[in-house]
Protein backbone atom coordinates (compact mmCIF):
# COMPACT_ATOMS: atom_id res chain seq x y z
CA MET A 1 -0.49 17.86 6.38
CA ASP A 2 0.57 19.56 9.44
CA PRO A 3 -0.52 17.21 12.27
CA SER A 4 -1.70 20.21 14.40
CA SER A 5 -4.07 21.08 12.25
CA PRO A 6 -7.47 20.37 13.53
CA GLN A 7 -7.58 17.26 10.75
CA GLY A 8 -3.93 16.28 12.26
CA GLY A 9 -2.74 14.48 15.35
CA GLY A 10 -3.04 16.75 17.62
CA GLY A 11 -7.47 17.51 17.04
CA THR A 12 -10.22 16.22 16.02
CA ALA A 13 -11.81 17.06 12.51
CA GLY A 14 -15.38 17.46 13.13
CA ALA A 15 -17.94 16.52 15.37
CA ALA A 16 -19.25 12.94 15.47
CA ASP A 17 -23.20 12.44 14.82
CA THR A 18 -25.42 9.17 14.55
CA HIS A 19 -24.04 8.61 10.98
CA SER A 20 -20.68 9.44 11.65
CA SER A 21 -17.66 8.09 13.90
CA VAL A 22 -14.72 9.74 15.39
CA LEU A 23 -11.72 7.14 14.65
CA THR A 24 -7.92 7.65 14.88
CA LEU A 25 -5.57 6.48 11.62
CA HIS A 26 -1.72 6.13 12.34
CA VAL A 27 -0.83 6.91 8.64
CA ASN A 28 3.10 6.92 7.72
CA ASP A 29 3.46 6.98 11.87
CA VAL A 30 1.41 10.56 12.30
CA ALA A 31 -1.66 9.73 14.50
CA TYR A 32 -5.14 11.52 12.91
CA THR A 33 -8.15 11.97 14.96
CA ILE A 34 -11.29 12.62 12.57
CA ALA A 35 -14.93 12.61 12.44
CA LEU A 36 -16.00 10.18 8.97
CA ASP A 37 -19.24 9.26 7.79
CA HIS A 38 -19.93 5.97 8.20
CA ARG A 39 -19.54 5.64 4.39
CA THR A 40 -16.40 6.97 3.57
CA THR A 41 -14.09 4.65 2.35
CA LEU A 42 -10.06 4.48 3.73
CA LEU A 43 -8.91 6.16 0.35
CA ASP A 44 -11.48 8.87 0.37
CA ALA A 45 -10.27 9.69 4.27
CA LEU A 46 -6.72 8.99 3.28
CA ARG A 47 -7.01 11.64 0.23
CA GLU A 48 -9.61 13.43 0.95
CA ARG A 49 -9.51 14.23 4.34
CA LEU A 50 -6.00 13.98 5.43
CA ASP A 51 -4.69 15.10 2.09
CA VAL A 52 -2.32 11.91 1.77
CA THR A 53 -2.26 11.93 -2.54
CA GLY A 54 -0.04 8.40 -3.34
CA PRO A 55 -3.31 5.77 -2.98
CA LYS A 56 -4.61 6.68 -5.85
CA LYS A 57 -8.45 6.20 -7.36
CA GLY A 58 -8.34 4.57 -10.30
CA CYS A 59 -11.13 2.13 -10.66
CA ASP A 60 -12.94 2.77 -7.21
CA HIS A 61 -14.02 -1.28 -7.16
CA GLY A 62 -10.34 -3.10 -5.86
CA GLN A 63 -9.50 -4.26 -9.75
CA CYS A 64 -6.77 -2.02 -10.70
CA GLY A 65 -4.45 -1.83 -7.50
CA ALA A 66 -3.69 1.95 -8.12
CA CYS A 67 -4.75 2.58 -4.56
CA THR A 68 -2.92 -0.39 -2.74
CA VAL A 69 -1.36 0.49 0.59
CA LEU A 70 -0.19 -1.58 4.18
CA VAL A 71 -2.69 -1.95 6.88
CA ASP A 72 -1.07 -3.24 9.74
CA GLY A 73 1.66 -4.57 7.09
CA ARG A 74 -0.39 -6.02 4.91
CA ARG A 75 -1.42 -4.60 1.30
CA MET A 76 -5.13 -3.94 1.11
CA LEU A 77 -7.16 -1.90 -1.38
CA PRO A 78 -8.17 1.25 1.17
CA CYS A 79 -11.09 2.10 -2.00
CA LEU A 80 -12.65 -1.50 -0.96
CA LEU A 81 -12.47 -1.12 2.91
CA PRO A 82 -14.86 1.29 5.10
CA ALA A 83 -12.77 3.71 7.05
CA VAL A 84 -14.72 3.06 10.30
CA ALA A 85 -13.72 -0.64 9.99
CA TYR A 86 -9.87 0.57 10.32
CA ASP A 87 -9.97 2.74 13.69
CA GLY A 88 -6.30 2.54 15.33
CA SER A 89 -4.62 0.99 12.31
CA ARG A 90 -1.73 1.57 11.19
CA ILE A 91 -1.20 2.40 7.65
CA THR A 92 1.33 3.09 5.36
CA THR A 93 1.35 4.51 1.65
CA ALA A 94 4.25 4.72 -0.94
CA GLU A 95 5.27 8.46 1.26
CA GLY A 96 6.03 6.37 4.34
CA LEU A 97 8.09 3.62 3.18
CA ALA A 98 11.05 6.00 2.63
CA ASP A 99 13.53 5.86 5.87
CA GLY A 100 14.27 9.58 6.58
CA GLY A 101 15.60 11.30 3.56
CA ARG A 102 16.59 7.33 2.15
CA LEU A 103 13.85 6.03 -0.61
CA HIS A 104 13.06 2.21 0.66
CA PRO A 105 14.75 -0.10 -1.54
CA LEU A 106 12.27 -1.11 -4.04
CA GLN A 107 11.76 2.69 -4.90
CA GLU A 108 15.27 2.60 -5.28
CA ALA A 109 14.95 -0.56 -7.88
CA PHE A 110 11.92 0.91 -9.77
CA VAL A 111 13.68 4.30 -10.29
CA ALA A 112 16.58 2.03 -11.30
CA ARG A 113 14.93 -0.37 -13.70
CA ASP A 114 12.49 2.54 -14.99
CA ALA A 115 9.72 0.51 -13.74
CA LEU A 116 7.31 3.70 -14.30
CA GLN A 117 6.03 5.59 -17.13
CA CYS A 118 3.32 7.79 -16.62
CA GLY A 119 3.73 6.77 -12.72
CA TYR A 120 -0.20 6.84 -12.12
CA CYS A 121 0.23 3.21 -10.69
CA THR A 122 3.26 3.27 -8.94
CA PRO A 123 2.46 4.32 -5.68
CA GLY A 124 0.18 1.02 -5.59
CA GLN A 125 3.08 -1.07 -7.61
CA ILE A 126 5.35 -0.50 -4.63
CA CYS A 127 3.16 -1.17 -1.62
CA SER A 128 1.96 -4.25 -3.05
CA ALA A 129 5.50 -5.10 -3.72
CA VAL A 130 6.22 -4.46 -0.57
CA GLY A 131 3.60 -6.48 1.34
CA MET A 132 3.91 -9.67 -1.23
CA LEU A 133 7.88 -9.78 -0.57
CA ALA A 134 6.33 -10.01 3.51
CA GLU A 135 3.97 -12.33 2.36
CA ALA A 136 6.86 -14.52 0.86
CA ALA A 137 9.10 -14.32 3.75
CA ASP A 138 6.05 -15.56 6.09
CA GLY A 139 5.38 -18.66 3.73
CA HIS A 140 2.15 -17.80 1.87
CA PRO A 141 1.89 -19.50 -0.72
CA SER A 142 0.34 -18.50 -4.08
CA HIS A 143 -1.25 -19.92 -6.97
CA VAL A 144 1.67 -21.06 -8.63
CA THR A 145 3.74 -21.79 -5.14
CA ALA A 146 5.12 -25.84 -5.55
CA ARG A 147 2.81 -27.91 -4.23
CA ASP A 148 5.27 -29.62 -1.74
CA HIS A 149 5.84 -26.19 -0.16
CA THR A 150 6.27 -26.82 3.66
CA GLY A 151 5.53 -23.26 4.75
CA GLY A 152 8.74 -21.57 5.18
CA PRO A 153 9.94 -18.68 3.02
CA VAL A 154 8.52 -19.38 -0.75
CA PRO A 155 11.26 -18.71 -3.76
CA LEU A 156 10.45 -15.34 -5.21
CA THR A 157 10.78 -16.92 -8.82
CA ARG A 158 9.75 -14.86 -12.14
CA GLU A 159 6.36 -16.54 -11.95
CA GLU A 160 5.94 -16.19 -8.32
CA ILE A 161 6.57 -12.30 -8.77
CA ARG A 162 3.81 -12.12 -11.74
CA GLU A 163 1.64 -13.88 -10.06
CA ARG A 164 1.66 -11.90 -6.48
CA MET A 165 1.68 -8.56 -8.33
CA SER A 166 -1.21 -9.50 -10.73
CA GLY A 167 -3.84 -7.50 -8.81
CA ASN A 168 -1.65 -4.42 -10.06
CA LEU A 169 -2.12 -3.16 -13.47
CA CYS A 170 -0.20 -0.82 -15.78
CA ARG A 171 -1.76 0.75 -18.09
CA CYS A 172 1.34 1.55 -19.59
CA GLY A 173 2.54 -1.68 -19.33
CA ALA A 174 5.82 -1.36 -17.59
CA TYR A 175 5.44 -5.03 -16.46
CA THR A 176 8.81 -6.01 -17.41
CA ASN A 177 10.46 -3.88 -15.41
CA ILE A 178 8.23 -3.78 -12.34
CA VAL A 179 9.37 -7.62 -12.23
CA ALA A 180 12.75 -6.54 -12.66
CA ALA A 181 12.70 -3.95 -10.11
CA VAL A 182 11.41 -6.58 -7.45
CA GLU A 183 13.61 -8.92 -8.68
CA ASP A 184 16.63 -6.88 -7.70
CA VAL A 185 15.72 -6.44 -4.61
CA VAL A 186 14.91 -10.00 -3.55
CA GLY A 187 18.49 -10.79 -5.06
CA GLU A 188 19.60 -8.75 -2.76
CA ALA A 189 18.16 -9.85 0.15
CA LYS A 190 19.57 -12.92 -0.33
CA PRO A 191 22.43 -14.34 1.63
C-alpha cells in the first residue's frame, strides 16, 4: 500500500463518528492513520484496510496462530484484538521482518529446511518464532522450562521450541522441519 494514499501514512481514511475512532498504526515501520469502527479487529484492519496480507485469517478465534504478528515486540493474535486498543502500537508482520532485501534469519531457515508446504500458516509461524526467541532470551519460562530456572535466558531445547510454538497449527504437518528451522537459528546465535 502506498503510504501517501488516503489510507496510508500521509492521510486519514474516513472520518470518525460515534462508532469509530481515528487511530495510527505503525505497521512494518510505516505509519497509517485510519478511522475504524470500534468493533474492527486488528487482523481485519491489517488485511482489509491496509492490504497487509501476511497475517492469515484461519480460525478467527485465536486457536490456530495463522494470524500471529508482533505488537510492540510481543507475539499476539490480531484476530482477538480490537484495533482501537492498539493506537500508536508498532506492528510487525512477516513482510516487515526482512532487512531491506535480506530475509530474516528465520525466514531463511524456513526456506532452507523446507519448513512449509502450503505456506498458509508460515507467516504466523515465523512471527511466532521471532517472538518466542525474544521471550526465551528475556528469561520467560514455558511449561517445560526446568523448575530451577533462575530468570536468565532459557536454553531452547527441542522440547522448549515445541512447547513455545504449540499455539501455531500447521495443517500440512511440517512441524519437524519448523522445529529444525528454529533450531538452526538458535544454533547460529550461540557463541
